[in-house]
Amino acid sequence: MVDCGGKLEWPELVGVKVDVATLIIERENPHVKAAWIPCGRFRFPECCCNRVYLEFSADSTVCKIPRVG
């Protein structure tokens, strides 16, 4: 795994509204931006140190642990 520095994952945000989770992540690690995608949607397994995928369910809550990459 690539060492991206800063906080790398937020397990405490599962179940939190995606817009609130975005604010928390970008405050706790100012080097990343959140990218929203629906839960279960395919994405290429690439590592990017300035992005956190926020996978969200139909009720707009985070459904998987957000991680840098």
N, C-alpha and C. Protein backbone atom coordinates (compact mmCIF):
# COMPACT_ATOMS: atom_id res chain seq x y z
N MET A 1 0.84 -1.20 0.00
CA MET A 1 0.00 0.00 0.00
C MET A 1 0.87 1.24 0.00
N VAL A 2 0.44 2.24 -0.69
CA VAL A 2 1.15 3.51 -0.76
C VAL A 2 0.94 4.29 0.53
N ASP A 3 2.00 4.94 1.02
CA ASP A 3 1.87 5.75 2.24
C ASP A 3 1.46 7.16 1.82
N CYS A 4 0.20 7.49 2.08
CA CYS A 4 -0.34 8.78 1.67
C CYS A 4 -0.23 9.83 2.77
N GLY A 5 0.02 9.44 3.99
CA GLY A 5 0.12 10.39 5.10
C GLY A 5 -1.25 10.88 5.55
N GLY A 6 -1.31 11.38 6.76
CA GLY A 6 -2.57 11.88 7.31
C GLY A 6 -3.50 10.73 7.66
N LYS A 7 -4.71 11.08 8.09
CA LYS A 7 -5.71 10.06 8.40
C LYS A 7 -6.13 9.38 7.11
N LEU A 8 -6.23 8.05 7.14
CA LEU A 8 -6.46 7.29 5.92
C LEU A 8 -7.81 6.61 5.84
N GLU A 9 -8.49 6.40 6.97
CA GLU A 9 -9.80 5.77 6.93
C GLU A 9 -10.67 6.26 8.08
N TRP A 10 -12.00 6.14 7.88
CA TRP A 10 -12.98 6.69 8.81
C TRP A 10 -14.09 5.67 9.07
N PRO A 11 -13.81 4.60 9.82
CA PRO A 11 -14.86 3.60 10.08
C PRO A 11 -16.03 4.17 10.88
N GLU A 12 -15.78 5.21 11.63
CA GLU A 12 -16.83 5.83 12.45
C GLU A 12 -17.90 6.55 11.63
N LEU A 13 -17.67 6.71 10.33
CA LEU A 13 -18.62 7.44 9.48
C LEU A 13 -19.64 6.55 8.77
N VAL A 14 -19.53 5.24 8.92
CA VAL A 14 -20.53 4.35 8.33
C VAL A 14 -21.87 4.65 9.01
N GLY A 15 -22.89 4.93 8.20
CA GLY A 15 -24.22 5.27 8.71
C GLY A 15 -24.48 6.76 8.83
N VAL A 16 -23.44 7.57 8.62
CA VAL A 16 -23.56 9.03 8.69
C VAL A 16 -23.99 9.56 7.32
N LYS A 17 -24.76 10.64 7.29
CA LYS A 17 -25.15 11.26 6.02
C LYS A 17 -23.90 11.63 5.22
N VAL A 18 -23.94 11.39 3.93
CA VAL A 18 -22.77 11.56 3.08
C VAL A 18 -22.25 13.01 3.05
N ASP A 19 -23.14 13.99 3.12
CA ASP A 19 -22.67 15.38 3.11
C ASP A 19 -21.94 15.73 4.41
N VAL A 20 -22.41 15.20 5.53
CA VAL A 20 -21.75 15.43 6.82
C VAL A 20 -20.40 14.71 6.83
N ALA A 21 -20.36 13.48 6.31
CA ALA A 21 -19.12 12.71 6.25
C ALA A 21 -18.08 13.43 5.40
N THR A 22 -18.50 14.04 4.31
CA THR A 22 -17.58 14.80 3.45
C THR A 22 -16.90 15.91 4.24
N LEU A 23 -17.68 16.67 4.98
CA LEU A 23 -17.12 17.77 5.78
C LEU A 23 -16.11 17.26 6.81
N ILE A 24 -16.44 16.17 7.47
CA ILE A 24 -15.54 15.61 8.49
C ILE A 24 -14.24 15.13 7.87
N ILE A 25 -14.33 14.38 6.78
CA ILE A 25 -13.13 13.85 6.13
C ILE A 25 -12.22 14.97 5.64
N GLU A 26 -12.80 15.95 4.96
CA GLU A 26 -11.98 17.03 4.39
C GLU A 26 -11.42 17.94 5.48
N ARG A 27 -12.04 17.98 6.65
CA ARG A 27 -11.49 18.73 7.77
C ARG A 27 -10.35 17.96 8.44
N GLU A 28 -10.53 16.65 8.60
CA GLU A 28 -9.53 15.83 9.28
C GLU A 28 -8.31 15.53 8.43
N ASN A 29 -8.46 15.55 7.11
CA ASN A 29 -7.32 15.38 6.21
C ASN A 29 -7.49 16.36 5.05
N PRO A 30 -6.93 17.57 5.19
CA PRO A 30 -7.12 18.60 4.16
C PRO A 30 -6.45 18.31 2.82
N HIS A 31 -5.73 17.19 2.73
CA HIS A 31 -5.07 16.83 1.47
C HIS A 31 -5.97 16.02 0.55
N VAL A 32 -7.18 15.68 1.02
CA VAL A 32 -8.07 14.83 0.21
C VAL A 32 -9.38 15.55 -0.11
N LYS A 33 -10.02 15.07 -1.16
CA LYS A 33 -11.37 15.48 -1.54
C LYS A 33 -12.23 14.24 -1.60
N ALA A 34 -13.46 14.36 -1.19
CA ALA A 34 -14.39 13.24 -1.22
C ALA A 34 -15.07 13.13 -2.58
N ALA A 35 -15.21 11.90 -3.05
CA ALA A 35 -15.93 11.62 -4.29
C ALA A 35 -17.06 10.66 -3.95
N TRP A 36 -18.29 11.06 -4.24
CA TRP A 36 -19.47 10.27 -3.91
C TRP A 36 -19.79 9.28 -5.02
N ILE A 37 -20.05 8.03 -4.62
CA ILE A 37 -20.52 7.03 -5.58
C ILE A 37 -21.56 6.15 -4.88
N PRO A 38 -22.57 5.70 -5.62
CA PRO A 38 -23.58 4.82 -5.03
C PRO A 38 -22.96 3.49 -4.59
N CYS A 39 -23.46 2.95 -3.50
CA CYS A 39 -22.99 1.66 -2.98
C CYS A 39 -23.10 0.59 -4.05
N GLY A 40 -22.06 -0.20 -4.18
CA GLY A 40 -22.08 -1.31 -5.12
C GLY A 40 -21.68 -0.95 -6.54
N ARG A 41 -21.50 0.32 -6.83
CA ARG A 41 -21.11 0.72 -8.18
C ARG A 41 -19.65 0.35 -8.41
N PHE A 42 -19.36 -0.16 -9.59
CA PHE A 42 -17.99 -0.54 -9.93
C PHE A 42 -17.10 0.69 -10.03
N ARG A 43 -15.89 0.56 -9.51
CA ARG A 43 -14.87 1.58 -9.72
C ARG A 43 -13.54 0.88 -9.89
N PHE A 44 -12.65 1.48 -10.63
CA PHE A 44 -11.34 0.87 -10.86
C PHE A 44 -10.53 0.91 -9.56
N PRO A 45 -9.85 -0.19 -9.24
CA PRO A 45 -9.05 -0.25 -8.01
C PRO A 45 -7.71 0.46 -8.18
N GLU A 46 -7.75 1.76 -8.09
CA GLU A 46 -6.54 2.56 -8.22
C GLU A 46 -6.26 3.24 -6.88
N CYS A 47 -5.02 3.60 -6.67
CA CYS A 47 -4.68 4.29 -5.43
C CYS A 47 -4.38 5.75 -5.75
N CYS A 48 -5.10 6.64 -5.14
CA CYS A 48 -4.95 8.06 -5.35
C CYS A 48 -4.94 8.73 -3.98
N CYS A 49 -3.83 9.33 -3.61
CA CYS A 49 -3.65 9.88 -2.26
C CYS A 49 -4.45 11.15 -2.00
N ASN A 50 -5.12 11.69 -2.98
CA ASN A 50 -5.88 12.92 -2.73
C ASN A 50 -7.39 12.72 -2.90
N ARG A 51 -7.84 11.45 -2.83
CA ARG A 51 -9.26 11.18 -3.00
C ARG A 51 -9.73 10.13 -1.98
N VAL A 52 -10.96 10.33 -1.50
CA VAL A 52 -11.65 9.35 -0.67
C VAL A 52 -12.99 9.07 -1.31
N TYR A 53 -13.23 7.81 -1.67
CA TYR A 53 -14.54 7.46 -2.19
C TYR A 53 -15.51 7.31 -1.04
N LEU A 54 -16.64 7.99 -1.12
CA LEU A 54 -17.72 7.86 -0.15
C LEU A 54 -18.84 7.11 -0.84
N GLU A 55 -18.99 5.84 -0.48
CA GLU A 55 -20.05 5.04 -1.05
C GLU A 55 -21.30 5.23 -0.19
N PHE A 56 -22.41 5.59 -0.85
CA PHE A 56 -23.63 5.91 -0.12
C PHE A 56 -24.81 5.08 -0.59
N SER A 57 -25.74 4.84 0.34
CA SER A 57 -26.94 4.04 0.05
C SER A 57 -28.10 4.95 -0.35
N ALA A 58 -29.25 4.35 -0.59
CA ALA A 58 -30.44 5.08 -1.05
C ALA A 58 -30.88 6.17 -0.08
N ASP A 59 -30.59 6.00 1.21
CA ASP A 59 -30.98 7.02 2.19
C ASP A 59 -29.88 8.05 2.43
N SER A 60 -28.90 8.10 1.52
CA SER A 60 -27.79 9.07 1.55
C SER A 60 -26.87 8.92 2.76
N THR A 61 -26.74 7.70 3.27
CA THR A 61 -25.79 7.45 4.35
C THR A 61 -24.62 6.62 3.82
N VAL A 62 -23.47 6.80 4.43
CA VAL A 62 -22.27 6.08 4.06
C VAL A 62 -22.47 4.59 4.37
N CYS A 63 -22.20 3.72 3.38
CA CYS A 63 -22.45 2.29 3.54
C CYS A 63 -21.18 1.45 3.65
N LYS A 64 -20.02 2.03 3.35
CA LYS A 64 -18.74 1.33 3.47
C LYS A 64 -17.74 2.27 4.13
N ILE A 65 -16.74 1.69 4.76
CA ILE A 65 -15.72 2.50 5.42
C ILE A 65 -15.00 3.35 4.37
N PRO A 66 -15.04 4.68 4.52
CA PRO A 66 -14.30 5.54 3.60
C PRO A 66 -12.79 5.41 3.83
N ARG A 67 -12.06 5.25 2.73
CA ARG A 67 -10.60 5.09 2.80
C ARG A 67 -9.95 5.95 1.71
N VAL A 68 -8.79 6.49 2.01
CA VAL A 68 -8.01 7.21 1.01
C VAL A 68 -7.62 6.22 -0.07
N GLY A 69 -7.71 6.63 -1.29
CA GLY A 69 -7.32 5.77 -2.38
C GLY A 69 -8.32 5.79 -3.45
